[in-house]
């Protein structure tokens, strides 16, 4: 998929936001850890980079590149990320979440 299609999926499934209990086989009991593990599996270009790229007030910005995520993620993966509280920021072309 393209990054535009990725943005569209985040918008299409916004109603799944923070519904972690709907994930059938969570990788962790914690939503943030599940999201980090899923992103680690999908985005392997920079495996030694920290998952958190930056933080500001109560927001953390995540390191995985959207173009790489778009190549390897399915719609179901995007729904899982949304259920974990992950959002996408078009202006900065990155993933983020509130802490």
PDB file of N, CA and C in Angstrom:
ATOM      1  N   UNK A   1       0.849  -1.176   0.000  1.00  0.00           N
ATOM      2  CA  UNK A   1       0.000   0.000   0.000  1.00  0.00           C
ATOM      3  C   UNK A   1       0.891   1.235   0.000  1.00  0.00           C
ATOM      4  N   UNK A   2       0.309   2.365  -0.312  1.00  0.00           N
ATOM      5  CA  UNK A   2       1.034   3.635  -0.285  1.00  0.00           C
ATOM      6  C   UNK A   2       0.822   4.309   1.070  1.00  0.00           C
ATOM      7  N   UNK A   3       1.594   5.360   1.332  1.00  0.00           N
ATOM      8  CA  UNK A   3       1.381   6.078   2.589  1.00  0.00           C
ATOM      9  C   UNK A   3       0.016   6.763   2.598  1.00  0.00           C
ATOM     10  N   UNK A   4      -0.469   7.181   1.438  1.00  0.00           N
ATOM     11  CA  UNK A   4      -1.818   7.775   1.384  1.00  0.00           C
ATOM     12  C   UNK A   4      -2.878   6.746   1.775  1.00  0.00           C
ATOM     13  N   UNK A   5      -2.715   5.527   1.321  1.00  0.00           N
ATOM     14  CA  UNK A   5      -3.649   4.459   1.698  1.00  0.00           C
ATOM     15  C   UNK A   5      -3.530   4.170   3.198  1.00  0.00           C
ATOM     16  N   UNK A   6      -2.322   4.270   3.716  1.00  0.00           N
ATOM     17  CA  UNK A   6      -2.104   4.094   5.147  1.00  0.00           C
ATOM     18  C   UNK A   6      -2.866   5.151   5.936  1.00  0.00           C
ATOM     19  N   UNK A   7      -2.751   6.415   5.519  1.00  0.00           N
ATOM     20  CA  UNK A   7      -3.505   7.493   6.165  1.00  0.00           C
ATOM     21  C   UNK A   7      -5.007   7.214   6.110  1.00  0.00           C
ATOM     22  N   UNK A   8      -5.463   6.745   4.953  1.00  0.00           N
ATOM     23  CA  UNK A   8      -6.886   6.447   4.783  1.00  0.00           C
ATOM     24  C   UNK A   8      -7.357   5.354   5.735  1.00  0.00           C
ATOM     25  N   UNK A   9      -6.516   4.341   5.951  1.00  0.00           N
ATOM     26  CA  UNK A   9      -6.891   3.259   6.874  1.00  0.00           C
ATOM     27  C   UNK A   9      -6.990   3.765   8.310  1.00  0.00           C
ATOM     28  N   UNK A  10      -6.064   4.634   8.708  1.00  0.00           N
ATOM     29  CA  UNK A  10      -6.145   5.203  10.057  1.00  0.00           C
ATOM     30  C   UNK A  10      -7.437   6.004  10.215  1.00  0.00           C
ATOM     31  N   UNK A  11      -7.818   6.716   9.180  1.00  0.00           N
ATOM     32  CA  UNK A  11      -9.063   7.490   9.230  1.00  0.00           C
ATOM     33  C   UNK A  11     -10.285   6.575   9.200  1.00  0.00           C
ATOM     34  N   UNK A  12     -10.257   5.578   8.335  1.00  0.00           N
ATOM     35  CA  UNK A  12     -11.385   4.655   8.175  1.00  0.00           C
ATOM     36  C   UNK A  12     -11.703   3.914   9.478  1.00  0.00           C
ATOM     37  N   UNK A  13     -10.672   3.535  10.223  1.00  0.00           N
ATOM     38  CA  UNK A  13     -10.863   2.700  11.414  1.00  0.00           C
ATOM     39  C   UNK A  13     -10.687   3.480  12.722  1.00  0.00           C
ATOM     40  N   UNK A  14     -10.879   4.796  12.677  1.00  0.00           N
ATOM     41  CA  UNK A  14     -10.700   5.601  13.882  1.00  0.00           C
ATOM     42  C   UNK A  14     -11.618   5.164  15.031  1.00  0.00           C
ATOM     43  N   UNK A  15     -12.723   4.533  14.711  1.00  0.00           N
ATOM     44  CA  UNK A  15     -13.658   4.083  15.746  1.00  0.00           C
ATOM     45  C   UNK A  15     -13.098   2.907  16.555  1.00  0.00           C
ATOM     46  N   UNK A  16     -11.975   2.332  16.139  1.00  0.00           N
ATOM     47  CA  UNK A  16     -11.329   1.240  16.874  1.00  0.00           C
ATOM     48  C   UNK A  16     -10.324   1.760  17.900  1.00  0.00           C
ATOM     49  N   UNK A  17     -10.176   3.084  17.992  1.00  0.00           N
ATOM     50  CA  UNK A  17      -9.167   3.702  18.856  1.00  0.00           C
ATOM     51  C   UNK A  17      -9.318   3.256  20.314  1.00  0.00           C
ATOM     52  N   UNK A  18      -8.216   2.747  20.862  1.00  0.00           N
ATOM     53  CA  UNK A  18      -8.112   2.306  22.259  1.00  0.00           C
ATOM     54  C   UNK A  18      -9.063   1.158  22.629  1.00  0.00           C
ATOM     55  N   UNK A  19      -9.371   0.316  21.693  1.00  0.00           N
ATOM     56  CA  UNK A  19     -10.199  -0.861  21.973  1.00  0.00           C
ATOM     57  C   UNK A  19      -9.307  -2.108  21.983  1.00  0.00           C
ATOM     58  N   UNK A  20      -8.301  -2.047  22.838  1.00  0.00           N
ATOM     59  CA  UNK A  20      -7.293  -3.096  22.937  1.00  0.00           C
ATOM     60  C   UNK A  20      -7.906  -4.464  23.224  1.00  0.00           C
ATOM     61  N   UNK A  21      -9.000  -4.485  23.951  1.00  0.00           N
ATOM     62  CA  UNK A  21      -9.639  -5.756  24.307  1.00  0.00           C
ATOM     63  C   UNK A  21     -10.160  -6.516  23.084  1.00  0.00           C
ATOM     64  N   UNK A  22     -10.235  -5.873  21.934  1.00  0.00           N
ATOM     65  CA  UNK A  22     -10.695  -6.542  20.713  1.00  0.00           C
ATOM     66  C   UNK A  22      -9.575  -7.294  19.983  1.00  0.00           C
ATOM     67  N   UNK A  23      -8.342  -7.128  20.422  1.00  0.00           N
ATOM     68  CA  UNK A  23      -7.228  -7.839  19.780  1.00  0.00           C
ATOM     69  C   UNK A  23      -7.272  -9.290  20.242  1.00  0.00           C
ATOM     70  N   UNK A  24      -7.349 -10.206  19.282  1.00  0.00           N
ATOM     71  CA  UNK A  24      -7.539 -11.618  19.605  1.00  0.00           C
ATOM     72  C   UNK A  24      -6.336 -12.279  20.271  1.00  0.00           C
ATOM     73  N   UNK A  25      -5.152 -12.033  19.768  1.00  0.00           N
ATOM     74  CA  UNK A  25      -3.947 -12.666  20.315  1.00  0.00           C
ATOM     75  C   UNK A  25      -2.901 -11.601  20.613  1.00  0.00           C
ATOM     76  N   UNK A  26      -3.083 -10.871  21.719  1.00  0.00           N
ATOM     77  CA  UNK A  26      -2.138  -9.790  22.021  1.00  0.00           C
ATOM     78  C   UNK A  26      -0.732 -10.328  22.319  1.00  0.00           C
ATOM     79  N   UNK A  27       0.251  -9.584  21.875  1.00  0.00           N
ATOM     80  CA  UNK A  27       1.656  -9.934  22.094  1.00  0.00           C
ATOM     81  C   UNK A  27       2.084  -9.586  23.512  1.00  0.00           C
ATOM     82  N   UNK A  28       1.275  -8.791  24.195  1.00  0.00           N
ATOM     83  CA  UNK A  28       1.532  -8.361  25.564  1.00  0.00           C
ATOM     84  C   UNK A  28       0.199  -8.043  26.222  1.00  0.00           C
ATOM     85  N   UNK A  29       0.201  -7.951  27.533  1.00  0.00           N
ATOM     86  CA  UNK A  29      -1.000  -7.527  28.255  1.00  0.00           C
ATOM     87  C   UNK A  29      -1.164  -6.014  28.192  1.00  0.00           C
ATOM     88  N   UNK A  30      -0.142  -5.335  27.742  1.00  0.00           N
ATOM     89  CA  UNK A  30      -0.128  -3.878  27.700  1.00  0.00           C
ATOM     90  C   UNK A  30      -0.224  -3.390  26.254  1.00  0.00           C
ATOM     91  N   UNK A  31      -1.119  -2.461  26.010  1.00  0.00           N
ATOM     92  CA  UNK A  31      -1.370  -1.981  24.653  1.00  0.00           C
ATOM     93  C   UNK A  31      -0.135  -1.355  24.016  1.00  0.00           C
ATOM     94  N   UNK A  32       0.600  -0.534  24.784  1.00  0.00           N
ATOM     95  CA  UNK A  32       1.767   0.112  24.190  1.00  0.00           C
ATOM     96  C   UNK A  32       2.841  -0.906  23.814  1.00  0.00           C
ATOM     97  N   UNK A  33       3.059  -1.895  24.659  1.00  0.00           N
ATOM     98  CA  UNK A  33       4.056  -2.922  24.347  1.00  0.00           C
ATOM     99  C   UNK A  33       3.637  -3.768  23.153  1.00  0.00           C
ATOM    100  N   UNK A  34       2.359  -4.070  23.074  1.00  0.00           N
ATOM    101  CA  UNK A  34       1.856  -4.820  21.915  1.00  0.00           C
ATOM    102  C   UNK A  34       2.142  -4.027  20.640  1.00  0.00           C
ATOM    103  N   UNK A  35       1.849  -2.737  20.645  1.00  0.00           N
ATOM    104  CA  UNK A  35       2.082  -1.897  19.467  1.00  0.00           C
ATOM    105  C   UNK A  35       3.566  -1.848  19.123  1.00  0.00           C
ATOM    106  N   UNK A  36       4.418  -1.687  20.119  1.00  0.00           N
ATOM    107  CA  UNK A  36       5.863  -1.632  19.871  1.00  0.00           C
ATOM    108  C   UNK A  36       6.365  -2.952  19.294  1.00  0.00           C
ATOM    109  N   UNK A  37       5.887  -4.070  19.822  1.00  0.00           N
ATOM    110  CA  UNK A  37       6.313  -5.374  19.304  1.00  0.00           C
ATOM    111  C   UNK A  37       5.836  -5.591  17.876  1.00  0.00           C
ATOM    112  N   UNK A  38       4.619  -5.176  17.597  1.00  0.00           N
ATOM    113  CA  UNK A  38       4.097  -5.306  16.235  1.00  0.00           C
ATOM    114  C   UNK A  38       4.900  -4.438  15.272  1.00  0.00           C
ATOM    115  N   UNK A  39       5.174  -3.208  15.649  1.00  0.00           N
ATOM    116  CA  UNK A  39       5.972  -2.323  14.797  1.00  0.00           C
ATOM    117  C   UNK A  39       7.383  -2.865  14.607  1.00  0.00           C
ATOM    118  N   UNK A  40       7.932  -3.470  15.646  1.00  0.00           N
ATOM    119  CA  UNK A  40       9.266  -4.057  15.551  1.00  0.00           C
ATOM    120  C   UNK A  40       9.286  -5.207  14.544  1.00  0.00           C
ATOM    121  N   UNK A  41       8.213  -5.979  14.496  1.00  0.00           N
ATOM    122  CA  UNK A  41       8.116  -7.081  13.537  1.00  0.00           C
ATOM    123  C   UNK A  41       7.950  -6.576  12.104  1.00  0.00           C
ATOM    124  N   UNK A  42       7.211  -5.497  11.938  1.00  0.00           N
ATOM    125  CA  UNK A  42       6.894  -4.989  10.601  1.00  0.00           C
ATOM    126  C   UNK A  42       7.982  -4.097  10.012  1.00  0.00           C
ATOM    127  N   UNK A  43       8.628  -3.327  10.841  1.00  0.00           N
ATOM    128  CA  UNK A  43       9.602  -2.329  10.360  1.00  0.00           C
ATOM    129  C   UNK A  43      10.999  -2.698  10.846  1.00  0.00           C
ATOM    130  N   UNK A  44      11.756  -3.309   9.982  1.00  0.00           N
ATOM    131  CA  UNK A  44      13.063  -3.842  10.383  1.00  0.00           C
ATOM    132  C   UNK A  44      14.250  -3.106   9.759  1.00  0.00           C
ATOM    133  N   UNK A  45      14.013  -2.015   9.048  1.00  0.00           N
ATOM    134  CA  UNK A  45      15.101  -1.297   8.395  1.00  0.00           C
ATOM    135  C   UNK A  45      16.156  -0.838   9.392  1.00  0.00           C
ATOM    136  N   UNK A  46      15.714  -0.305  10.511  1.00  0.00           N
ATOM    137  CA  UNK A  46      16.634   0.157  11.537  1.00  0.00           C
ATOM    138  C   UNK A  46      16.359  -0.574  12.844  1.00  0.00           C
ATOM    139  N   UNK A  47      16.748  -1.834  12.931  1.00  0.00           N
ATOM    140  CA  UNK A  47      16.386  -2.635  14.105  1.00  0.00           C
ATOM    141  C   UNK A  47      17.027  -2.174  15.407  1.00  0.00           C
ATOM    142  N   UNK A  48      18.104  -1.383  15.348  1.00  0.00           N
ATOM    143  CA  UNK A  48      18.737  -0.948  16.590  1.00  0.00           C
ATOM    144  C   UNK A  48      18.267   0.427  17.049  1.00  0.00           C
ATOM    145  N   UNK A  49      17.419   1.069  16.255  1.00  0.00           N
ATOM    146  CA  UNK A  49      16.863   2.363  16.652  1.00  0.00           C
ATOM    147  C   UNK A  49      15.866   2.186  17.777  1.00  0.00           C
ATOM    148  N   UNK A  50      15.802   3.150  18.658  1.00  0.00           N
ATOM    149  CA  UNK A  50      14.775   3.140  19.696  1.00  0.00           C
ATOM    150  C   UNK A  50      13.410   3.309  19.040  1.00  0.00           C
ATOM    151  N   UNK A  51      12.394   2.733  19.654  1.00  0.00           N
ATOM    152  CA  UNK A  51      11.039   2.856  19.122  1.00  0.00           C
ATOM    153  C   UNK A  51      10.529   4.290  19.271  1.00  0.00           C
ATOM    154  N   UNK A  52      10.883   4.933  20.369  1.00  0.00           N
ATOM    155  CA  UNK A  52      10.449   6.301  20.609  1.00  0.00           C
ATOM    156  C   UNK A  52      11.497   7.252  20.019  1.00  0.00           C
ATOM    157  N   UNK A  53      11.063   8.069  19.073  1.00  0.00           N
ATOM    158  CA  UNK A  53      11.977   8.994  18.406  1.00  0.00           C
ATOM    159  C   UNK A  53      12.045  10.345  19.118  1.00  0.00           C
ATOM    160  N   UNK A  54      10.927  10.761  19.716  1.00  0.00           N
ATOM    161  CA  UNK A  54      10.883  12.068  20.385  1.00  0.00           C
ATOM    162  C   UNK A  54       9.667  12.124  21.290  1.00  0.00           C
ATOM    163  N   UNK A  55       9.666  13.084  22.173  1.00  0.00           N
ATOM    164  CA  UNK A  55       8.535  13.283  23.057  1.00  0.00           C
ATOM    165  C   UNK A  55       8.306  14.766  23.298  1.00  0.00           C
ATOM    166  N   UNK A  56       7.056  15.106  23.530  1.00  0.00           N
ATOM    167  CA  UNK A  56       6.712  16.495  23.794  1.00  0.00           C
ATOM    168  C   UNK A  56       5.454  16.502  24.654  1.00  0.00           C
ATOM    169  N   UNK A  57       5.549  17.080  25.823  1.00  0.00           N
ATOM    170  CA  UNK A  57       4.443  17.121  26.772  1.00  0.00           C
ATOM    171  C   UNK A  57       3.915  15.705  27.019  1.00  0.00           C
ATOM    172  N   UNK A  58       2.736  15.379  26.559  1.00  0.00           N
ATOM    173  CA  UNK A  58       2.173  14.051  26.803  1.00  0.00           C
ATOM    174  C   UNK A  58       2.079  13.218  25.528  1.00  0.00           C
ATOM    175  N   UNK A  59       2.916  13.521  24.533  1.00  0.00           N
ATOM    176  CA  UNK A  59       2.910  12.809  23.252  1.00  0.00           C
ATOM    177  C   UNK A  59       4.288  12.230  22.994  1.00  0.00           C
ATOM    178  N   UNK A  60       4.315  10.978  22.490  1.00  0.00           N
ATOM    179  CA  UNK A  60       5.580  10.420  22.010  1.00  0.00           C
ATOM    180  C   UNK A  60       5.438  10.135  20.522  1.00  0.00           C
ATOM    181  N   UNK A  61       6.510  10.416  19.810  1.00  0.00           N
ATOM    182  CA  UNK A  61       6.569  10.176  18.375  1.00  0.00           C
ATOM    183  C   UNK A  61       7.407   8.928  18.154  1.00  0.00           C
ATOM    184  N   UNK A  62       6.926   8.062  17.276  1.00  0.00           N
ATOM    185  CA  UNK A  62       7.568   6.771  17.084  1.00  0.00           C
ATOM    186  C   UNK A  62       8.481   6.764  15.866  1.00  0.00           C
ATOM    187  N   UNK A  63       9.541   5.966  15.942  1.00  0.00           N
ATOM    188  CA  UNK A  63      10.597   5.969  14.940  1.00  0.00           C
ATOM    189  C   UNK A  63      10.264   5.309  13.605  1.00  0.00           C
ATOM    190  N   UNK A  64       9.449   4.268  13.536  1.00  0.00           N
ATOM    191  CA  UNK A  64       9.260   3.598  12.243  1.00  0.00           C
ATOM    192  C   UNK A  64       8.799   4.558  11.145  1.00  0.00           C
ATOM    193  N   UNK A  65       9.397   4.386   9.969  1.00  0.00           N
ATOM    194  CA  UNK A  65       9.035   5.207   8.823  1.00  0.00           C
ATOM    195  C   UNK A  65       7.714   4.733   8.235  1.00  0.00           C
ATOM    196  N   UNK A  66       6.849   5.685   7.892  1.00  0.00           N
ATOM    197  CA  UNK A  66       5.535   5.333   7.354  1.00  0.00           C
ATOM    198  C   UNK A  66       5.627   4.614   6.017  1.00  0.00           C
ATOM    199  N   UNK A  67       6.592   4.982   5.183  1.00  0.00           N
ATOM    200  CA  UNK A  67       6.693   4.307   3.889  1.00  0.00           C
ATOM    201  C   UNK A  67       7.058   2.841   4.045  1.00  0.00           C
ATOM    202  N   UNK A  68       7.868   2.515   5.051  1.00  0.00           N
ATOM    203  CA  UNK A  68       8.191   1.113   5.317  1.00  0.00           C
ATOM    204  C   UNK A  68       6.981   0.384   5.903  1.00  0.00           C
ATOM    205  N   UNK A  69       6.302   1.018   6.836  1.00  0.00           N
ATOM    206  CA  UNK A  69       5.106   0.422   7.422  1.00  0.00           C
ATOM    207  C   UNK A  69       4.073   0.147   6.342  1.00  0.00           C
ATOM    208  N   UNK A  70       3.912   1.077   5.414  1.00  0.00           N
ATOM    209  CA  UNK A  70       2.924   0.924   4.343  1.00  0.00           C
ATOM    210  C   UNK A  70       3.214  -0.295   3.476  1.00  0.00           C
ATOM    211  N   UNK A  71       4.483  -0.624   3.297  1.00  0.00           N
ATOM    212  CA  UNK A  71       4.858  -1.779   2.468  1.00  0.00           C
ATOM    213  C   UNK A  71       4.491  -3.095   3.152  1.00  0.00           C
ATOM    214  N   UNK A  72       4.733  -3.185   4.446  1.00  0.00           N
ATOM    215  CA  UNK A  72       4.609  -4.466   5.138  1.00  0.00           C
ATOM    216  C   UNK A  72       3.326  -4.665   5.939  1.00  0.00           C
ATOM    217  N   UNK A  73       2.635  -3.605   6.275  1.00  0.00           N
ATOM    218  CA  UNK A  73       1.437  -3.721   7.113  1.00  0.00           C
ATOM    219  C   UNK A  73       0.204  -4.057   6.282  1.00  0.00           C
ATOM    220  N   UNK A  74      -0.675  -4.808   6.905  1.00  0.00           N
ATOM    221  CA  UNK A  74      -1.979  -5.090   6.313  1.00  0.00           C
ATOM    222  C   UNK A  74      -3.012  -4.198   7.010  1.00  0.00           C
ATOM    223  N   UNK A  75      -4.207  -4.220   6.515  1.00  0.00           N
ATOM    224  CA  UNK A  75      -5.280  -3.460   7.158  1.00  0.00           C
ATOM    225  C   UNK A  75      -5.493  -3.948   8.592  1.00  0.00           C
ATOM    226  N   UNK A  76      -5.398  -5.249   8.814  1.00  0.00           N
ATOM    227  CA  UNK A  76      -5.547  -5.790  10.166  1.00  0.00           C
ATOM    228  C   UNK A  76      -4.454  -5.280  11.104  1.00  0.00           C
ATOM    229  N   UNK A  77      -3.233  -5.141  10.612  1.00  0.00           N
ATOM    230  CA  UNK A  77      -2.153  -4.588  11.432  1.00  0.00           C
ATOM    231  C   UNK A  77      -2.468  -3.151  11.842  1.00  0.00           C
ATOM    232  N   UNK A  78      -2.971  -2.378  10.895  1.00  0.00           N
ATOM    233  CA  UNK A  78      -3.298  -0.978  11.188  1.00  0.00           C
ATOM    234  C   UNK A  78      -4.412  -0.906  12.231  1.00  0.00           C
ATOM    235  N   UNK A  79      -5.388  -1.765  12.120  1.00  0.00           N
ATOM    236  CA  UNK A  79      -6.468  -1.803  13.119  1.00  0.00           C
ATOM    237  C   UNK A  79      -5.896  -2.135  14.495  1.00  0.00           C
ATOM    238  N   UNK A  80      -4.976  -3.086  14.569  1.00  0.00           N
ATOM    239  CA  UNK A  80      -4.334  -3.420  15.847  1.00  0.00           C
ATOM    240  C   UNK A  80      -3.619  -2.215  16.428  1.00  0.00           C
ATOM    241  N   UNK A  81      -2.878  -1.501  15.593  1.00  0.00           N
ATOM    242  CA  UNK A  81      -2.161  -0.318  16.077  1.00  0.00           C
ATOM    243  C   UNK A  81      -3.129   0.733  16.606  1.00  0.00           C
ATOM    244  N   UNK A  82      -4.213   0.938  15.909  1.00  0.00           N
ATOM    245  CA  UNK A  82      -5.222   1.902  16.352  1.00  0.00           C
ATOM    246  C   UNK A  82      -5.814   1.456  17.689  1.00  0.00           C
ATOM    247  N   UNK A  83      -6.081   0.179  17.818  1.00  0.00           N
ATOM    248  CA  UNK A  83      -6.621  -0.351  19.076  1.00  0.00           C
ATOM    249  C   UNK A  83      -5.654  -0.164  20.239  1.00  0.00           C
ATOM    250  N   UNK A  84      -4.382  -0.019  19.929  1.00  0.00           N
ATOM    251  CA  UNK A  84      -3.362   0.216  20.954  1.00  0.00           C
ATOM    252  C   UNK A  84      -3.160   1.698  21.259  1.00  0.00           C
ATOM    253  N   UNK A  85      -3.836   2.565  20.529  1.00  0.00           N
ATOM    254  CA  UNK A  85      -3.714   3.994  20.771  1.00  0.00           C
ATOM    255  C   UNK A  85      -2.735   4.700  19.854  1.00  0.00           C
ATOM    256  N   UNK A  86      -2.303   4.047  18.797  1.00  0.00           N
ATOM    257  CA  UNK A  86      -1.382   4.651  17.835  1.00  0.00           C
ATOM    258  C   UNK A  86      -2.180   5.489  16.844  1.00  0.00           C
ATOM    259  N   UNK A  87      -1.650   6.673  16.550  1.00  0.00           N
ATOM    260  CA  UNK A  87      -2.254   7.568  15.566  1.00  0.00           C
ATOM    261  C   UNK A  87      -1.187   7.965  14.557  1.00  0.00           C
ATOM    262  N   UNK A  88      -1.620   8.559  13.461  1.00  0.00           N
ATOM    263  CA  UNK A  88      -0.679   8.996  12.430  1.00  0.00           C
ATOM    264  C   UNK A  88      -0.775  10.516  12.290  1.00  0.00           C
ATOM    265  N   UNK A  89       0.381  11.150  12.115  1.00  0.00           N
ATOM    266  CA  UNK A  89       0.460  12.593  11.933  1.00  0.00           C
ATOM    267  C   UNK A  89       0.944  12.883  10.519  1.00  0.00           C
ATOM    268  N   UNK A  90       0.055  13.421   9.692  1.00  0.00           N
ATOM    269  CA  UNK A  90       0.402  13.701   8.293  1.00  0.00           C
ATOM    270  C   UNK A  90       1.459  14.798   8.171  1.00  0.00           C
ATOM    271  N   UNK A  91       1.341  15.833   8.974  1.00  0.00           N
ATOM    272  CA  UNK A  91       2.247  16.969   8.875  1.00  0.00           C
ATOM    273  C   UNK A  91       3.705  16.540   9.051  1.00  0.00           C
ATOM    274  N   UNK A  92       3.959  15.714  10.060  1.00  0.00           N
ATOM    275  CA  UNK A  92       5.333  15.263  10.343  1.00  0.00           C
ATOM    276  C   UNK A  92       5.629  13.883   9.769  1.00  0.00           C
ATOM    277  N   UNK A  93       4.633  13.277   9.123  1.00  0.00           N
ATOM    278  CA  UNK A  93       4.763  11.950   8.524  1.00  0.00           C
ATOM    279  C   UNK A  93       5.310  10.926   9.519  1.00  0.00           C
ATOM    280  N   UNK A  94       4.582  10.774  10.623  1.00  0.00           N
ATOM    281  CA  UNK A  94       5.046   9.840  11.653  1.00  0.00           C
ATOM    282  C   UNK A  94       3.857   9.271  12.439  1.00  0.00           C
ATOM    283  N   UNK A  95       4.175   8.247  13.201  1.00  0.00           N
ATOM    284  CA  UNK A  95       3.218   7.677  14.143  1.00  0.00           C
ATOM    285  C   UNK A  95       3.429   8.332  15.493  1.00  0.00           C
ATOM    286  N   UNK A  96       2.365   8.435  16.275  1.00  0.00           N
ATOM    287  CA  UNK A  96       2.489   8.985  17.615  1.00  0.00           C
ATOM    288  C   UNK A  96       1.420   8.394  18.519  1.00  0.00           C
ATOM    289  N   UNK A  97       1.603   8.610  19.805  1.00  0.00           N
ATOM    290  CA  UNK A  97       0.608   8.200  20.783  1.00  0.00           C
ATOM    291  C   UNK A  97       0.710   9.089  22.011  1.00  0.00           C
ATOM    292  N   UNK A  98      -0.373   9.162  22.751  1.00  0.00           N
ATOM    293  CA  UNK A  98      -0.373   9.898  24.012  1.00  0.00           C
ATOM    294  C   UNK A  98       0.137   8.983  25.113  1.00  0.00           C
ATOM    295  N   UNK A  99       0.789   9.583  26.091  1.00  0.00           N
ATOM    296  CA  UNK A  99       1.281   8.791  27.229  1.00  0.00           C
ATOM    297  C   UNK A  99       0.574   9.200  28.492  1.00  0.00           C
TER     298      UNK A  99
END
